[in-house]
Full PDB file with SEQRES, HELIX, SHEET, SSBOND, CRYST1, ORIGX, SCALE, CONECT and MASTER records, all heavy atoms in Angstrom:
SEQRES   1 A   39  LEU ALA ASP ASP GLY ALA ILE TYR VAL PRO ILE SER GLU          
SEQRES   2 A   39  SER MET PRO ASP LEU SER GLN ARG GLU ARG LEU MET PRO          
SEQRES   3 A   39  LEU VAL GLY LYS ARG ALA SER ALA THR GLY THR LEU TYR          
HELIX    1 AA1 ARG A   21  LEU A   24  1                                   4    
HELIX    2 AA2 MET A   25  LEU A   27  5                                   3    
CRYST1    1.000    1.000    1.000  90.00  90.00  90.00 P 1           1          
ORIGX1      1.000000  0.000000  0.000000        0.00000                         
ORIGX2      0.000000  1.000000  0.000000        0.00000                         
ORIGX3      0.000000  0.000000  1.000000        0.00000                         
SCALE1      1.000000  0.000000  0.000000        0.00000                         
SCALE2      0.000000  1.000000  0.000000        0.00000                         
SCALE3      0.000000  0.000000  1.000000        0.00000                         
ATOM      1  N   LEU A   1       0.864  -1.201   0.020  1.00  0.00           N  
ATOM      2  CA  LEU A   1      -0.056  -0.033   0.002  1.00  0.00           C  
ATOM      3  C   LEU A   1       0.917   1.227  -0.023  1.00  0.00           C  
ATOM      4  O   LEU A   1       1.542   1.500   0.976  1.00  0.00           O  
ATOM      5  CB  LEU A   1      -0.888  -0.014   1.261  1.00  0.00           C  
ATOM      6  CG  LEU A   1      -1.864   1.211   1.411  1.00  0.00           C  
ATOM      7  CD1 LEU A   1      -2.770   1.329   0.179  1.00  0.00           C  
ATOM      8  CD2 LEU A   1      -2.642   1.036   2.673  1.00  0.00           C  
ATOM      9  N   ALA A   2       1.033   1.927  -1.141  1.00  0.00           N  
ATOM     10  CA  ALA A   2       1.827   3.068  -1.306  1.00  0.00           C  
ATOM     11  C   ALA A   2       1.305   4.254  -0.527  1.00  0.00           C  
ATOM     12  O   ALA A   2       0.135   4.264  -0.189  1.00  0.00           O  
ATOM     13  CB  ALA A   2       1.970   3.398  -2.772  1.00  0.00           C  
ATOM     14  N   ASP A   3       2.182   5.194  -0.279  1.00  0.00           N  
ATOM     15  CA  ASP A   3       1.834   6.349   0.541  1.00  0.00           C  
ATOM     16  C   ASP A   3       0.774   7.199  -0.185  1.00  0.00           C  
ATOM     17  O   ASP A   3      -0.014   7.892   0.510  1.00  0.00           O  
ATOM     18  CB  ASP A   3       3.082   7.187   0.789  1.00  0.00           C  
ATOM     19  CG  ASP A   3       4.025   6.499   1.721  1.00  0.00           C  
ATOM     20  OD1 ASP A   3       3.621   5.659   2.461  1.00  0.00           O  
ATOM     21  OD2 ASP A   3       5.222   6.855   1.582  1.00  0.00           O  
ATOM     22  N   ASP A   4       0.654   7.138  -1.515  1.00  0.00           N  
ATOM     23  CA  ASP A   4      -0.417   7.892  -2.243  1.00  0.00           C  
ATOM     24  C   ASP A   4      -1.745   7.083  -2.269  1.00  0.00           C  
ATOM     25  O   ASP A   4      -2.699   7.495  -2.921  1.00  0.00           O  
ATOM     26  CB  ASP A   4       0.071   8.235  -3.640  1.00  0.00           C  
ATOM     27  CG  ASP A   4       0.248   7.046  -4.567  1.00  0.00           C  
ATOM     28  OD1 ASP A   4       0.086   5.880  -4.142  1.00  0.00           O  
ATOM     29  OD2 ASP A   4       0.654   7.218  -5.718  1.00  0.00           O  
ATOM     30  N   GLY A   5      -1.812   5.927  -1.637  1.00  0.00           N  
ATOM     31  CA  GLY A   5      -3.028   5.142  -1.595  1.00  0.00           C  
ATOM     32  C   GLY A   5      -3.136   4.080  -2.695  1.00  0.00           C  
ATOM     33  O   GLY A   5      -4.004   3.264  -2.647  1.00  0.00           O  
ATOM     34  N   ALA A   6      -2.192   4.078  -3.695  1.00  0.00           N  
ATOM     35  CA  ALA A   6      -2.280   3.088  -4.671  1.00  0.00           C  
ATOM     36  C   ALA A   6      -1.904   1.688  -4.053  1.00  0.00           C  
ATOM     37  O   ALA A   6      -0.997   1.605  -3.236  1.00  0.00           O  
ATOM     38  CB  ALA A   6      -1.291   3.419  -5.815  1.00  0.00           C  
ATOM     39  N   ILE A   7      -2.522   0.645  -4.553  1.00  0.00           N  
ATOM     40  CA  ILE A   7      -2.270  -0.673  -4.050  1.00  0.00           C  
ATOM     41  C   ILE A   7      -1.504  -1.403  -5.169  1.00  0.00           C  
ATOM     42  O   ILE A   7      -1.977  -1.510  -6.317  1.00  0.00           O  
ATOM     43  CB  ILE A   7      -3.617  -1.422  -3.768  1.00  0.00           C  
ATOM     44  CG1 ILE A   7      -4.311  -0.750  -2.624  1.00  0.00           C  
ATOM     45  CG2 ILE A   7      -3.374  -2.900  -3.476  1.00  0.00           C  
ATOM     46  CD1 ILE A   7      -5.707  -1.218  -2.305  1.00  0.00           C  
ATOM     47  N   TYR A   8      -0.345  -1.952  -4.829  1.00  0.00           N  
ATOM     48  CA  TYR A   8       0.492  -2.676  -5.777  1.00  0.00           C  
ATOM     49  C   TYR A   8       0.479  -4.132  -5.432  1.00  0.00           C  
ATOM     50  O   TYR A   8       0.761  -4.519  -4.287  1.00  0.00           O  
ATOM     51  CB  TYR A   8       1.977  -2.174  -5.799  1.00  0.00           C  
ATOM     52  CG  TYR A   8       2.086  -0.828  -6.431  1.00  0.00           C  
ATOM     53  CD1 TYR A   8       1.756   0.382  -5.756  1.00  0.00           C  
ATOM     54  CD2 TYR A   8       2.493  -0.732  -7.762  1.00  0.00           C  
ATOM     55  CE1 TYR A   8       1.938   1.575  -6.395  1.00  0.00           C  
ATOM     56  CE2 TYR A   8       2.562   0.433  -8.458  1.00  0.00           C  
ATOM     57  CZ  TYR A   8       2.293   1.633  -7.720  1.00  0.00           C  
ATOM     58  OH  TYR A   8       2.418   2.838  -8.329  1.00  0.00           O  
ATOM     59  N   VAL A   9       0.082  -4.938  -6.378  1.00  0.00           N  
ATOM     60  CA  VAL A   9       0.107  -6.425  -6.199  1.00  0.00           C  
ATOM     61  C   VAL A   9       1.537  -6.851  -6.513  1.00  0.00           C  
ATOM     62  O   VAL A   9       2.060  -6.618  -7.672  1.00  0.00           O  
ATOM     63  CB  VAL A   9      -0.846  -7.094  -7.132  1.00  0.00           C  
ATOM     64  CG1 VAL A   9      -0.799  -8.632  -7.025  1.00  0.00           C  
ATOM     65  CG2 VAL A   9      -2.279  -6.582  -6.812  1.00  0.00           C  
ATOM     66  N   PRO A  10       2.227  -7.522  -5.625  1.00  0.00           N  
ATOM     67  CA  PRO A  10       3.523  -8.002  -5.963  1.00  0.00           C  
ATOM     68  C   PRO A  10       3.506  -9.292  -6.711  1.00  0.00           C  
ATOM     69  O   PRO A  10       2.772 -10.259  -6.410  1.00  0.00           O  
ATOM     70  CB  PRO A  10       4.146  -8.279  -4.530  1.00  0.00           C  
ATOM     71  CG  PRO A  10       3.007  -8.475  -3.638  1.00  0.00           C  
ATOM     72  CD  PRO A  10       1.925  -7.737  -4.215  1.00  0.00           C  
ATOM     73  N   ILE A  11       4.278  -9.326  -7.838  1.00  0.00           N  
ATOM     74  CA  ILE A  11       4.376 -10.452  -8.676  1.00  0.00           C  
ATOM     75  C   ILE A  11       5.819 -10.814  -8.848  1.00  0.00           C  
ATOM     76  O   ILE A  11       6.677  -9.983  -8.529  1.00  0.00           O  
ATOM     77  CB  ILE A  11       3.623 -10.266 -10.092  1.00  0.00           C  
ATOM     78  CG1 ILE A  11       4.187  -9.063 -10.816  1.00  0.00           C  
ATOM     79  CG2 ILE A  11       2.102 -10.096  -9.848  1.00  0.00           C  
ATOM     80  CD1 ILE A  11       3.629  -8.865 -12.176  1.00  0.00           C  
ATOM     81  N   SER A  12       6.089 -11.935  -9.437  1.00  0.00           N  
ATOM     82  CA  SER A  12       7.516 -12.330  -9.685  1.00  0.00           C  
ATOM     83  C   SER A  12       7.909 -11.778 -10.968  1.00  0.00           C  
ATOM     84  O   SER A  12       7.212 -11.383 -11.832  1.00  0.00           O  
ATOM     85  CB  SER A  12       7.660 -13.865  -9.602  1.00  0.00           C  
ATOM     86  OG  SER A  12       7.078 -14.481 -10.684  1.00  0.00           O  
ATOM     87  N   GLU A  13       9.286 -11.818 -11.169  1.00  0.00           N  
ATOM     88  CA  GLU A  13       9.826 -11.399 -12.486  1.00  0.00           C  
ATOM     89  C   GLU A  13       9.733 -12.528 -13.531  1.00  0.00           C  
ATOM     90  O   GLU A  13      10.061 -12.346 -14.719  1.00  0.00           O  
ATOM     91  CB  GLU A  13      11.316 -11.031 -12.261  1.00  0.00           C  
ATOM     92  CG  GLU A  13      11.510  -9.879 -11.427  1.00  0.00           C  
ATOM     93  CD  GLU A  13      12.965  -9.461 -11.378  1.00  0.00           C  
ATOM     94  OE1 GLU A  13      13.734 -10.229 -10.753  1.00  0.00           O  
ATOM     95  OE2 GLU A  13      13.369  -8.426 -11.943  1.00  0.00           O  
ATOM     96  N   SER A  14       9.246 -13.718 -13.165  1.00  0.00           N  
ATOM     97  CA  SER A  14       9.202 -14.844 -14.064  1.00  0.00           C  
ATOM     98  C   SER A  14       7.812 -15.145 -14.484  1.00  0.00           C  
ATOM     99  O   SER A  14       6.847 -14.882 -13.869  1.00  0.00           O  
ATOM    100  CB  SER A  14       9.905 -16.039 -13.409  1.00  0.00           C  
ATOM    101  OG  SER A  14       9.154 -16.449 -12.280  1.00  0.00           O  
ATOM    102  N   MET A  15       7.744 -15.898 -15.597  1.00  0.00           N  
ATOM    103  CA  MET A  15       6.460 -16.463 -16.088  1.00  0.00           C  
ATOM    104  C   MET A  15       6.666 -17.934 -16.252  1.00  0.00           C  
ATOM    105  O   MET A  15       7.684 -18.297 -16.937  1.00  0.00           O  
ATOM    106  CB  MET A  15       6.038 -15.883 -17.374  1.00  0.00           C  
ATOM    107  CG  MET A  15       5.397 -14.524 -17.263  1.00  0.00           C  
ATOM    108  SD  MET A  15       3.865 -14.713 -16.428  1.00  0.00           S  
ATOM    109  CE  MET A  15       3.128 -13.209 -16.776  1.00  0.00           C  
ATOM    110  N   PRO A  16       5.908 -18.848 -15.695  1.00  0.00           N  
ATOM    111  CA  PRO A  16       4.763 -18.470 -14.915  1.00  0.00           C  
ATOM    112  C   PRO A  16       5.127 -17.840 -13.601  1.00  0.00           C  
ATOM    113  O   PRO A  16       6.233 -17.990 -13.075  1.00  0.00           O  
ATOM    114  CB  PRO A  16       4.013 -19.866 -14.631  1.00  0.00           C  
ATOM    115  CG  PRO A  16       5.181 -20.829 -14.759  1.00  0.00           C  
ATOM    116  CD  PRO A  16       6.131 -20.264 -15.760  1.00  0.00           C  
ATOM    117  N   ASP A  17       4.199 -16.985 -13.021  1.00  0.00           N  
ATOM    118  CA  ASP A  17       4.456 -16.258 -11.818  1.00  0.00           C  
ATOM    119  C   ASP A  17       4.725 -17.203 -10.642  1.00  0.00           C  
ATOM    120  O   ASP A  17       4.130 -18.310 -10.577  1.00  0.00           O  
ATOM    121  CB  ASP A  17       3.185 -15.408 -11.561  1.00  0.00           C  
ATOM    122  CG  ASP A  17       3.404 -14.410 -10.443  1.00  0.00           C  
ATOM    123  OD1 ASP A  17       4.487 -13.832 -10.364  1.00  0.00           O  
ATOM    124  OD2 ASP A  17       2.470 -14.246  -9.602  1.00  0.00           O  
ATOM    125  N   LEU A  18       5.569 -16.741  -9.790  1.00  0.00           N  
ATOM    126  CA  LEU A  18       5.843 -17.469  -8.487  1.00  0.00           C  
ATOM    127  C   LEU A  18       5.339 -16.604  -7.350  1.00  0.00           C  
ATOM    128  O   LEU A  18       5.444 -15.385  -7.321  1.00  0.00           O  
ATOM    129  CB  LEU A  18       7.356 -17.692  -8.386  1.00  0.00           C  
ATOM    130  CG  LEU A  18       8.006 -18.471  -9.497  1.00  0.00           C  
ATOM    131  CD1 LEU A  18       9.531 -18.469  -9.348  1.00  0.00           C  
ATOM    132  CD2 LEU A  18       7.492 -19.847  -9.438  1.00  0.00           C  
ATOM    133  N   SER A  19       4.779 -17.253  -6.345  1.00  0.00           N  
ATOM    134  CA  SER A  19       4.257 -16.529  -5.161  1.00  0.00           C  
ATOM    135  C   SER A  19       5.346 -15.728  -4.527  1.00  0.00           C  
ATOM    136  O   SER A  19       6.478 -16.143  -4.343  1.00  0.00           O  
ATOM    137  CB  SER A  19       3.714 -17.562  -4.202  1.00  0.00           C  
ATOM    138  OG  SER A  19       3.315 -16.942  -3.027  1.00  0.00           O  
ATOM    139  N   GLN A  20       4.978 -14.543  -4.118  1.00  0.00           N  
ATOM    140  CA  GLN A  20       5.894 -13.628  -3.353  1.00  0.00           C  
ATOM    141  C   GLN A  20       5.595 -13.625  -1.837  1.00  0.00           C  
ATOM    142  O   GLN A  20       6.111 -12.931  -1.097  1.00  0.00           O  
ATOM    143  CB  GLN A  20       5.716 -12.199  -3.927  1.00  0.00           C  
ATOM    144  CG  GLN A  20       6.104 -12.138  -5.379  1.00  0.00           C  
ATOM    145  CD  GLN A  20       7.558 -12.508  -5.593  1.00  0.00           C  
ATOM    146  OE1 GLN A  20       8.445 -11.828  -5.105  1.00  0.00           O  
ATOM    147  NE2 GLN A  20       7.791 -13.581  -6.261  1.00  0.00           N  
ATOM    148  N   ARG A  21       4.584 -14.472  -1.463  1.00  0.00           N  
ATOM    149  CA  ARG A  21       4.124 -14.513  -0.079  1.00  0.00           C  
ATOM    150  C   ARG A  21       5.238 -14.809   0.958  1.00  0.00           C  
ATOM    151  O   ARG A  21       5.356 -14.100   1.981  1.00  0.00           O  
ATOM    152  CB  ARG A  21       3.020 -15.567   0.095  1.00  0.00           C  
ATOM    153  CG  ARG A  21       2.333 -15.506   1.437  1.00  0.00           C  
ATOM    154  CD  ARG A  21       1.109 -16.415   1.398  1.00  0.00           C  
ATOM    155  NE  ARG A  21       0.388 -16.229   2.633  1.00  0.00           N  
ATOM    156  CZ  ARG A  21      -0.459 -15.215   2.805  1.00  0.00           C  
ATOM    157  NH1 ARG A  21      -0.688 -14.309   1.891  1.00  0.00           N  
ATOM    158  NH2 ARG A  21      -1.118 -15.104   3.966  1.00  0.00           N  
ATOM    159  N   GLU A  22       6.116 -15.660   0.636  1.00  0.00           N  
ATOM    160  CA  GLU A  22       7.209 -16.061   1.594  1.00  0.00           C  
ATOM    161  C   GLU A  22       8.135 -14.852   1.798  1.00  0.00           C  
ATOM    162  O   GLU A  22       8.608 -14.563   2.919  1.00  0.00           O  
ATOM    163  CB  GLU A  22       7.959 -17.254   1.077  1.00  0.00           C  
ATOM    164  CG  GLU A  22       8.960 -17.802   2.089  1.00  0.00           C  
ATOM    165  CD  GLU A  22       9.626 -19.038   1.570  1.00  0.00           C  
ATOM    166  OE1 GLU A  22       8.956 -19.981   1.024  1.00  0.00           O  
ATOM    167  OE2 GLU A  22      10.855 -19.170   1.667  1.00  0.00           O  
ATOM    168  N   ARG A  23       8.376 -14.115   0.770  1.00  0.00           N  
ATOM    169  CA  ARG A  23       9.200 -12.893   0.907  1.00  0.00           C  
ATOM    170  C   ARG A  23       8.536 -11.800   1.673  1.00  0.00           C  
ATOM    171  O   ARG A  23       9.168 -10.984   2.321  1.00  0.00           O  
ATOM    172  CB  ARG A  23       9.536 -12.330  -0.517  1.00  0.00           C  
ATOM    173  CG  ARG A  23      10.450 -13.232  -1.310  1.00  0.00           C  
ATOM    174  CD  ARG A  23      10.610 -12.697  -2.723  1.00  0.00           C  
ATOM    175  NE  ARG A  23      11.577 -11.617  -2.810  1.00  0.00           N  
ATOM    176  CZ  ARG A  23      11.868 -10.978  -3.873  1.00  0.00           C  
ATOM    177  NH1 ARG A  23      11.293 -11.292  -5.001  1.00  0.00           N  
ATOM    178  NH2 ARG A  23      12.769  -9.974  -3.874  1.00  0.00           N  
ATOM    179  N   LEU A  24       7.218 -11.691   1.596  1.00  0.00           N  
ATOM    180  CA  LEU A  24       6.418 -10.574   2.114  1.00  0.00           C  
ATOM    181  C   LEU A  24       6.008 -10.827   3.583  1.00  0.00           C  
ATOM    182  O   LEU A  24       5.808  -9.883   4.346  1.00  0.00           O  
ATOM    183  CB  LEU A  24       5.223 -10.285   1.282  1.00  0.00           C  
ATOM    184  CG  LEU A  24       5.536  -9.766  -0.090  1.00  0.00           C  
ATOM    185  CD1 LEU A  24       4.257  -9.709  -0.918  1.00  0.00           C  
ATOM    186  CD2 LEU A  24       6.173  -8.473  -0.048  1.00  0.00           C  
ATOM    187  N   MET A  25       5.695 -12.073   3.970  1.00  0.00           N  
ATOM    188  CA  MET A  25       5.195 -12.326   5.365  1.00  0.00           C  
ATOM    189  C   MET A  25       6.014 -11.683   6.465  1.00  0.00           C  
ATOM    190  O   MET A  25       5.444 -11.113   7.394  1.00  0.00           O  
ATOM    191  CB  MET A  25       5.064 -13.846   5.595  1.00  0.00           C  
ATOM    192  CG  MET A  25       3.812 -14.403   5.042  1.00  0.00           C  
ATOM    193  SD  MET A  25       2.250 -13.639   5.669  1.00  0.00           S  
ATOM    194  CE  MET A  25       2.186 -14.204   7.347  1.00  0.00           C  
ATOM    195  N   PRO A  26       7.375 -11.753   6.419  1.00  0.00           N  
ATOM    196  CA  PRO A  26       8.166 -11.084   7.507  1.00  0.00           C  
ATOM    197  C   PRO A  26       8.005  -9.542   7.488  1.00  0.00           C  
ATOM    198  O   PRO A  26       8.342  -8.940   8.492  1.00  0.00           O  
ATOM    199  CB  PRO A  26       9.566 -11.493   7.213  1.00  0.00           C  
ATOM    200  CG  PRO A  26       9.577 -12.674   6.290  1.00  0.00           C  
ATOM    201  CD  PRO A  26       8.205 -12.489   5.491  1.00  0.00           C  
ATOM    202  N   LEU A  27       7.485  -9.072   6.416  1.00  0.00           N  
ATOM    203  CA  LEU A  27       7.323  -7.520   6.317  1.00  0.00           C  
ATOM    204  C   LEU A  27       5.982  -7.037   6.606  1.00  0.00           C  
ATOM    205  O   LEU A  27       5.761  -5.818   6.487  1.00  0.00           O  
ATOM    206  CB  LEU A  27       7.815  -7.068   4.935  1.00  0.00           C  
ATOM    207  CG  LEU A  27       9.289  -7.418   4.583  1.00  0.00           C  
ATOM    208  CD1 LEU A  27       9.527  -7.065   3.100  1.00  0.00           C  
ATOM    209  CD2 LEU A  27      10.240  -6.623   5.471  1.00  0.00           C  
ATOM    210  N   VAL A  28       4.968  -7.919   6.844  1.00  0.00           N  
ATOM    211  CA  VAL A  28       3.630  -7.518   7.100  1.00  0.00           C  
ATOM    212  C   VAL A  28       3.598  -6.479   8.299  1.00  0.00           C  
ATOM    213  O   VAL A  28       4.146  -6.692   9.275  1.00  0.00           O  
ATOM    214  CB  VAL A  28       2.680  -8.665   7.354  1.00  0.00           C  
ATOM    215  CG1 VAL A  28       1.277  -8.170   7.813  1.00  0.00           C  
ATOM    216  CG2 VAL A  28       2.511  -9.553   6.126  1.00  0.00           C  
ATOM    217  N   GLY A  29       2.927  -5.311   7.986  1.00  0.00           N  
ATOM    218  CA  GLY A  29       2.835  -4.265   8.994  1.00  0.00           C  
ATOM    219  C   GLY A  29       4.019  -3.382   9.123  1.00  0.00           C  
ATOM    220  O   GLY A  29       4.168  -2.534   9.970  1.00  0.00           O  
ATOM    221  N   LYS A  30       5.009  -3.562   8.174  1.00  0.00           N  
ATOM    222  CA  LYS A  30       6.180  -2.757   8.186  1.00  0.00           C  
ATOM    223  C   LYS A  30       6.286  -2.006   6.817  1.00  0.00           C  
ATOM    224  O   LYS A  30       5.710  -2.389   5.812  1.00  0.00           O  
ATOM    225  CB  LYS A  30       7.397  -3.659   8.273  1.00  0.00           C  
ATOM    226  CG  LYS A  30       7.488  -4.474   9.603  1.00  0.00           C  
ATOM    227  CD  LYS A  30       8.645  -5.296   9.659  1.00  0.00           C  
ATOM    228  CE  LYS A  30       8.587  -6.141  10.955  1.00  0.00           C  
ATOM    229  NZ  LYS A  30       9.686  -7.098  11.082  1.00  0.00           N  
ATOM    230  N   ARG A  31       7.002  -0.911   6.887  1.00  0.00           N  
ATOM    231  CA  ARG A  31       7.235  -0.146   5.671  1.00  0.00           C  
ATOM    232  C   ARG A  31       8.311  -0.807   4.882  1.00  0.00           C  
ATOM    233  O   ARG A  31       9.298  -1.368   5.475  1.00  0.00           O  
ATOM    234  CB  ARG A  31       7.639   1.284   6.032  1.00  0.00           C  
ATOM    235  CG  ARG A  31       6.499   2.059   6.636  1.00  0.00           C  
ATOM    236  CD  ARG A  31       6.807   3.533   6.794  1.00  0.00           C  
ATOM    237  NE  ARG A  31       7.186   4.161   5.595  1.00  0.00           N  
ATOM    238  CZ  ARG A  31       6.339   4.494   4.552  1.00  0.00           C  
ATOM    239  NH1 ARG A  31       5.047   4.183   4.712  1.00  0.00           N  
ATOM    240  NH2 ARG A  31       6.757   5.144   3.456  1.00  0.00           N  
ATOM    241  N   ALA A  32       8.185  -0.816   3.546  1.00  0.00           N  
ATOM    242  CA  ALA A  32       9.112  -1.526   2.754  1.00  0.00           C  
ATOM    243  C   ALA A  32       9.320  -0.770   1.451  1.00  0.00           C  
ATOM    244  O   ALA A  32       8.525   0.120   1.072  1.00  0.00           O  
ATOM    245  CB  ALA A  32       8.651  -2.957   2.393  1.00  0.00           C  
ATOM    246  N   SER A  33      10.457  -1.037   0.814  1.00  0.00           N  
ATOM    247  CA  SER A  33      10.800  -0.473  -0.457  1.00  0.00           C  
ATOM    248  C   SER A  33      10.932  -1.662  -1.396  1.00  0.00           C  
ATOM    249  O   SER A  33      11.782  -2.464  -1.222  1.00  0.00           O  
ATOM    250  CB  SER A  33      12.087   0.415  -0.379  1.00  0.00           C  
ATOM    251  OG  SER A  33      12.402   0.933  -1.651  1.00  0.00           O  
ATOM    252  N   ALA A  34      10.146  -1.596  -2.497  1.00  0.00           N  
ATOM    253  CA  ALA A  34      10.253  -2.646  -3.441  1.00  0.00           C  
ATOM    254  C   ALA A  34      10.741  -2.034  -4.810  1.00  0.00           C  
ATOM    255  O   ALA A  34      10.244  -1.045  -5.273  1.00  0.00           O  
ATOM    256  CB  ALA A  34       8.932  -3.318  -3.705  1.00  0.00           C  
ATOM    257  N   THR A  35      11.739  -2.677  -5.431  1.00  0.00           N  
ATOM    258  CA  THR A  35      12.287  -2.216  -6.662  1.00  0.00           C  
ATOM    259  C   THR A  35      11.997  -3.332  -7.667  1.00  0.00           C  
ATOM    260  O   THR A  35      12.120  -4.539  -7.397  1.00  0.00           O  
ATOM    261  CB  THR A  35      13.763  -1.953  -6.584  1.00  0.00           C  
ATOM    262  OG1 THR A  35      14.029  -0.987  -5.598  1.00  0.00           O  
ATOM    263  CG2 THR A  35      14.344  -1.441  -7.881  1.00  0.00           C  
ATOM    264  N   GLY A  36      11.653  -2.905  -8.902  1.00  0.00           N  
ATOM    265  CA  GLY A  36      11.330  -3.853  -9.896  1.00  0.00           C  
ATOM    266  C   GLY A  36      10.703  -3.228 -11.154  1.00  0.00           C  
ATOM    267  O   GLY A  36      11.023  -2.034 -11.428  1.00  0.00           O  
ATOM    268  N   THR A  37       9.819  -3.991 -11.818  1.00  0.00           N  
ATOM    269  CA  THR A  37       9.122  -3.437 -12.976  1.00  0.00           C  
ATOM    270  C   THR A  37       7.646  -3.177 -12.609  1.00  0.00           C  
ATOM    271  O   THR A  37       6.959  -4.038 -12.039  1.00  0.00           O  
ATOM    272  CB  THR A  37       9.259  -4.488 -14.141  1.00  0.00           C  
ATOM    273  OG1 THR A  37      10.575  -4.786 -14.365  1.00  0.00           O  
ATOM    274  CG2 THR A  37       8.613  -3.892 -15.367  1.00  0.00           C  
ATOM    275  N   LEU A  38       7.284  -1.909 -12.866  1.00  0.00           N  
ATOM    276  CA  LEU A  38       5.869  -1.511 -12.525  1.00  0.00           C  
ATOM    277  C   LEU A  38       4.970  -1.731 -13.747  1.00  0.00           C  
ATOM    278  O   LEU A  38       5.334  -1.409 -14.904  1.00  0.00           O  
ATOM    279  CB  LEU A  38       5.861  -0.041 -12.165  1.00  0.00           C  
ATOM    280  CG  LEU A  38       6.774   0.382 -11.022  1.00  0.00           C  
ATOM    281  CD1 LEU A  38       6.780   1.894 -10.825  1.00  0.00           C  
ATOM    282  CD2 LEU A  38       6.390  -0.356  -9.743  1.00  0.00           C  
ATOM    283  N   TYR A  39       3.758  -2.277 -13.435  1.00  0.00           N  
ATOM    284  CA  TYR A  39       2.794  -2.444 -14.462  1.00  0.00           C  
ATOM    285  C   TYR A  39       1.473  -1.839 -14.031  1.00  0.00           C  
ATOM    286  O   TYR A  39       1.132  -1.778 -12.851  1.00  0.00           O  
ATOM    287  CB  TYR A  39       2.511  -3.972 -14.698  1.00  0.00           C  
ATOM    288  CG  TYR A  39       3.735  -4.670 -15.233  1.00  0.00           C  
ATOM    289  CD1 TYR A  39       4.573  -5.363 -14.354  1.00  0.00           C  
ATOM    290  CD2 TYR A  39       3.927  -4.762 -16.600  1.00  0.00           C  
ATOM    291  CE1 TYR A  39       5.686  -6.037 -14.851  1.00  0.00           C  
ATOM    292  CE2 TYR A  39       5.028  -5.448 -17.111  1.00  0.00           C  
ATOM    293  CZ  TYR A  39       5.915  -6.022 -16.229  1.00  0.00           C  
ATOM    294  OH  TYR A  39       7.015  -6.755 -16.695  1.00  0.00           O  
TER     295      TYR A  39                                                      
MASTER        0    0    0    2    0    0    0    6  294    1    0    3          
END                                                                             
């Protein structure tokens, strides 16, 4: 949830898509910076 209110769904860089849940669970409730490709 970006500061401007936009909601970004995290996806993987590969196709077929791989779950990002394992990477995100330790960050729930925390501020994070994600770098990648925006769609």
